[in-house]
C-alpha atoms as a PDB file:
ATOM      1  CA  MET A   1      75.059 -58.761  13.077  1.00  0.00           C
ATOM      2  CA  GLN A   2      76.845 -57.860  16.300  1.00  0.00           C
ATOM      3  CA  GLU A   3      77.189 -54.128  17.057  1.00  0.00           C
ATOM      4  CA  LEU A   4      80.090 -52.405  18.809  1.00  0.00           C
ATOM      5  CA  CYS A   5      79.735 -48.827  20.056  1.00  0.00           C
ATOM      6  CA  LEU A   6      82.702 -46.474  19.648  1.00  0.00           C
ATOM      7  CA  LEU A   7      81.247 -43.579  21.680  1.00  0.00           C
ATOM      8  CA  SER A   8      83.838 -44.054  24.427  1.00  0.00           C
ATOM      9  CA  LEU A   9      86.743 -44.136  21.966  1.00  0.00           C
ATOM     10  CA  GLU A  10      89.664 -42.049  23.274  1.00  0.00           C
ATOM     11  CA  GLN A  11      91.982 -42.147  20.265  1.00  0.00           C
ATOM     12  CA  ALA A  12      91.791 -42.402  16.498  1.00  0.00           C
ATOM     13  CA  GLY A  13      91.198 -45.773  14.920  1.00  0.00           C
ATOM     14  CA  VAL A  14      90.602 -47.298  11.528  1.00  0.00           C
ATOM     15  CA  ILE A  15      87.802 -49.625  10.457  1.00  0.00           C
ATOM     16  CA  ALA A  16      88.883 -51.847   7.569  1.00  0.00           C
ATOM     17  CA  LEU A  17      85.665 -52.110   5.559  1.00  0.00           C
ATOM     18  CA  GLN A  18      85.128 -55.810   4.980  1.00  0.00           C
ATOM     19  CA  PRO A  19      82.602 -58.492   5.879  1.00  0.00           C
ATOM     20  CA  SER A  20      83.178 -59.414   9.519  1.00  0.00           C
ATOM     21  CA  GLY A  21      79.797 -59.741  11.191  1.00  0.00           C
ATOM     22  CA  LEU A  22      80.813 -56.748  13.358  1.00  0.00           C
ATOM     23  CA  LEU A  23      79.090 -53.383  12.947  1.00  0.00           C
ATOM     24  CA  PHE A  24      80.953 -50.438  14.503  1.00  0.00           C
ATOM     25  CA  TRP A  25      78.955 -47.287  15.180  1.00  0.00           C
ATOM     26  CA  THR A  26      79.285 -43.842  16.702  1.00  0.00           C
ATOM     27  CA  HIS A  27      77.835 -40.332  16.433  1.00  0.00           C
ATOM     28  CA  VAL A  28      79.756 -37.749  14.422  1.00  0.00           C
ATOM     29  CA  GLY A  29      79.548 -34.247  13.030  1.00  0.00           C
ATOM     30  CA  ALA A  30      77.194 -31.623  14.399  1.00  0.00           C
ATOM     31  CA  GLY A  31      73.983 -32.756  16.030  1.00  0.00           C
ATOM     32  CA  GLY A  32      75.258 -35.718  18.040  1.00  0.00           C
ATOM     33  CA  ALA A  33      72.601 -38.435  18.283  1.00  0.00           C
ATOM     34  CA  ASP A  34      71.055 -37.486  14.935  1.00  0.00           C
ATOM     35  CA  ASN A  35      74.306 -38.332  13.161  1.00  0.00           C
ATOM     36  CA  ARG A  36      74.831 -42.017  13.792  1.00  0.00           C
ATOM     37  CA  VAL A  37      77.280 -43.576  11.362  1.00  0.00           C
ATOM     38  CA  GLU A  38      78.178 -47.223  11.104  1.00  0.00           C
ATOM     39  CA  ALA A  39      80.403 -49.550   9.163  1.00  0.00           C
ATOM     40  CA  GLU A  40      80.989 -53.279   9.047  1.00  0.00           C
ATOM     41  CA  GLY A  41      84.588 -54.305   9.340  1.00  0.00           C
ATOM     42  CA  VAL A  42      87.580 -54.787  11.595  1.00  0.00           C
ATOM     43  CA  PHE A  43      88.682 -52.027  13.990  1.00  0.00           C
ATOM     44  CA  VAL A  44      92.344 -51.211  14.679  1.00  0.00           C
ATOM     45  CA  PRO A  45      93.390 -48.370  17.035  1.00  0.00           C
ATOM     46  CA  LEU A  46      95.934 -45.966  15.567  1.00  0.00           C
ATOM     47  CA  SER A  47      98.867 -44.926  17.669  1.00  0.00           C
ATOM     48  CA  SER A  48     100.389 -41.486  17.676  1.00  0.00           C
ATOM     49  CA  ASP A  49     101.357 -40.875  21.257  1.00  0.00           C
ATOM     50  CA  PRO A  50     102.115 -37.198  21.810  1.00  0.00           C
ATOM     51  CA  PRO A  51     104.452 -35.878  24.487  1.00  0.00           C
ATOM     52  CA  ALA A  52     102.672 -35.792  27.870  1.00  0.00           C
ATOM     53  CA  ASP A  53     102.722 -31.995  27.938  1.00  0.00           C
ATOM     54  CA  SER A  54     101.351 -31.637  24.371  1.00  0.00           C
ATOM     55  CA  PRO A  55      98.077 -33.607  23.997  1.00  0.00           C
ATOM     56  CA  GLU A  56      97.138 -31.366  21.067  1.00  0.00           C
ATOM     57  CA  LEU A  57      99.712 -33.290  19.014  1.00  0.00           C
ATOM     58  CA  ALA A  58      97.752 -36.564  19.268  1.00  0.00           C
ATOM     59  CA  LEU A  59      96.434 -37.859  15.957  1.00  0.00           C
ATOM     60  CA  ALA A  60      92.784 -37.484  17.030  1.00  0.00           C
ATOM     61  CA  ALA A  61      93.346 -33.875  18.126  1.00  0.00           C
ATOM     62  CA  ARG A  62      95.161 -32.998  14.904  1.00  0.00           C
ATOM     63  CA  LEU A  63      92.465 -34.582  12.740  1.00  0.00           C
ATOM     64  CA  ALA A  64      89.759 -32.778  14.700  1.00  0.00           C
ATOM     65  CA  SER A  65      91.526 -29.430  14.367  1.00  0.00           C
ATOM     66  CA  GLU A  66      91.613 -29.838  10.570  1.00  0.00           C
ATOM     67  CA  VAL A  67      88.015 -30.997  10.189  1.00  0.00           C
ATOM     68  CA  GLN A  68      85.817 -29.660  13.007  1.00  0.00           C
ATOM     69  CA  LYS A  69      85.041 -26.231  11.524  1.00  0.00           C
ATOM     70  CA  ALA A  70      84.470 -27.438   7.956  1.00  0.00           C
ATOM     71  CA  GLU A  71      80.904 -27.502   6.693  1.00  0.00           C
ATOM     72  CA  CYS A  72      81.756 -30.142   4.096  1.00  0.00           C
ATOM     73  CA  PHE A  73      84.714 -32.130   2.859  1.00  0.00           C
ATOM     74  CA  THR A  74      86.483 -30.442  -0.036  1.00  0.00           C
ATOM     75  CA  PRO A  75      89.498 -31.620  -2.014  1.00  0.00           C
ATOM     76  CA  GLN A  76      91.578 -29.011  -0.148  1.00  0.00           C
ATOM     77  CA  LEU A  77      90.435 -30.354   3.228  1.00  0.00           C
ATOM     78  CA  ALA A  78      91.193 -33.886   2.039  1.00  0.00           C
ATOM     79  CA  ASP A  79      94.729 -32.737   1.155  1.00  0.00           C
ATOM     80  CA  ALA A  80      95.163 -31.267   4.662  1.00  0.00           C
ATOM     81  CA  VAL A  81      93.915 -34.477   6.300  1.00  0.00           C
ATOM     82  CA  ASP A  82      96.240 -36.530   4.067  1.00  0.00           C
ATOM     83  CA  GLU A  83      99.170 -34.499   5.435  1.00  0.00           C
ATOM     84  CA  VAL A  84      98.180 -35.406   9.011  1.00  0.00           C
ATOM     85  CA  LEU A  85      97.732 -39.067   8.044  1.00  0.00           C
ATOM     86  CA  LEU A  86     101.316 -39.195   6.772  1.00  0.00           C
ATOM     87  CA  GLU A  87     102.411 -39.137  10.412  1.00  0.00           C
ATOM     88  CA  ILE A  88     100.661 -42.333  11.539  1.00  0.00           C
ATOM     89  CA  SER A  89     103.211 -44.510  13.295  1.00  0.00           C
ATOM     90  CA  SER A  90     103.129 -47.439  10.890  1.00  0.00           C
ATOM     91  CA  SER A  91     104.430 -47.909   7.401  1.00  0.00           C
ATOM     92  CA  ASP A  92     100.929 -48.062   5.896  1.00  0.00           C
ATOM     93  CA  ALA A  93      99.821 -45.324   3.497  1.00  0.00           C
ATOM     94  CA  TYR A  94      96.462 -43.668   4.284  1.00  0.00           C
ATOM     95  CA  ARG A  95      94.716 -41.365   1.815  1.00  0.00           C
ATOM     96  CA  VAL A  96      91.318 -39.685   1.993  1.00  0.00           C
ATOM     97  CA  ASP A  97      88.968 -41.356  -0.495  1.00  0.00           C
ATOM     98  CA  ARG A  98      88.097 -38.544  -2.931  1.00  0.00           C
ATOM     99  CA  GLN A  99      85.107 -40.558  -4.199  1.00  0.00           C
ATOM    100  CA  ARG A 100      83.477 -40.446  -0.740  1.00  0.00           C
ATOM    101  CA  LEU A 101      84.132 -36.845   0.325  1.00  0.00           C
ATOM    102  CA  SER A 102      80.401 -36.137   0.627  1.00  0.00           C
ATOM    103  CA  GLU A 103      80.073 -38.981   3.167  1.00  0.00           C
ATOM    104  CA  SER A 104      83.034 -37.899   5.314  1.00  0.00           C
ATOM    105  CA  ARG A 105      82.668 -35.567   8.292  1.00  0.00           C
ATOM    106  CA  ASN A 106      84.198 -34.632  11.605  1.00  0.00           C
ATOM    107  CA  GLY A 107      85.054 -37.886  13.368  1.00  0.00           C
ATOM    108  CA  TRP A 108      84.454 -40.162  10.357  1.00  0.00           C
ATOM    109  CA  VAL A 109      86.573 -39.990   7.188  1.00  0.00           C
ATOM    110  CA  TYR A 110      86.600 -42.517   4.365  1.00  0.00           C
ATOM    111  CA  VAL A 111      90.109 -43.453   3.291  1.00  0.00           C
ATOM    112  CA  THR A 112      92.024 -45.984   1.258  1.00  0.00           C
ATOM    113  CA  VAL A 113      94.826 -47.863   2.966  1.00  0.00           C
ATOM    114  CA  THR A 114      97.858 -49.317   1.246  1.00  0.00           C
ATOM    115  CA  PRO A 115      99.519 -51.778   3.624  1.00  0.00           C
ATOM    116  CA  GLN A 116     103.275 -51.790   3.276  1.00  0.00           C
ATOM    117  CA  GLY A 117     106.436 -52.582   5.159  1.00  0.00           C
ATOM    118  CA  GLU A 118     107.323 -54.647   8.173  1.00  0.00           C
ATOM    119  CA  PHE A 119     105.525 -52.291  10.587  1.00  0.00           C
ATOM    120  CA  SER A 120     102.171 -52.500   8.794  1.00  0.00           C
ATOM    121  CA  HIS A 121      99.054 -52.841  10.940  1.00  0.00           C
ATOM    122  CA  PHE A 122      97.585 -54.939   8.126  1.00  0.00           C
ATOM    123  CA  GLN A 123      99.982 -57.754   7.216  1.00  0.00           C
ATOM    124  CA  GLY A 124      98.596 -59.824   4.325  1.00  0.00           C
ATOM    125  CA  PHE A 125      96.061 -57.176   3.231  1.00  0.00           C
ATOM    126  CA  GLU A 126      95.981 -55.594  -0.227  1.00  0.00           C
ATOM    127  CA  LEU A 127      94.822 -51.999  -0.862  1.00  0.00           C
ATOM    128  CA  PHE A 128      91.464 -51.612   0.897  1.00  0.00           C
ATOM    129  CA  ALA A 129      88.743 -49.126   1.793  1.00  0.00           C
ATOM    130  CA  ALA A 130      88.448 -47.983   5.402  1.00  0.00           C
ATOM    131  CA  VAL A 131      87.097 -45.338   7.751  1.00  0.00           C
ATOM    132  CA  ILE A 132      89.266 -43.369  10.140  1.00  0.00           C
ATOM    133  CA  THR A 133      87.281 -42.339  13.187  1.00  0.00           C
ATOM    134  CA  TRP A 134      88.128 -40.351  16.304  1.00  0.00           C
ATOM    135  CA  PRO A 135      86.301 -38.989  19.366  1.00  0.00           C
ATOM    136  CA  LEU A 136      84.434 -35.737  18.788  1.00  0.00           C
ATOM    137  CA  GLY A 137      85.876 -34.174  21.938  1.00  0.00           C
ATOM    138  CA  SER A 138      89.398 -34.250  20.428  1.00  0.00           C
ATOM    139  CA  GLY A 139      91.035 -30.932  19.746  1.00  0.00           C
ATOM    140  CA  ASN A 140      88.649 -28.883  21.864  1.00  0.00           C
END
């Protein structure tokens, strides 16, 4: 399998979890190199361009600000992340996967994606499992 490193990622992105022959990996959570996570799938960057004078409004920064201080993913944290995900600039619906809360952490959150509308990033897809990932330096 071919591996693609996301350590230099500068914005949030989603990995549609599906057989692709491509393994995306990065380091997340506390502890850096000891926390390698990986997923096979297809990567799509997520756009949420903030005003130039307000980088804290970028999707990655907003996700990081919700998640970075949490010790674990709780249903309440998932609700807060869902609120941020409502603002992704496509018509797709993203929702934190409540069945995988224990596997989610800062920089790597399991979600379900419901593609919908003419501005969907995922034309032709049905509901699918995914990971939203973002750089750990976001929101600091």
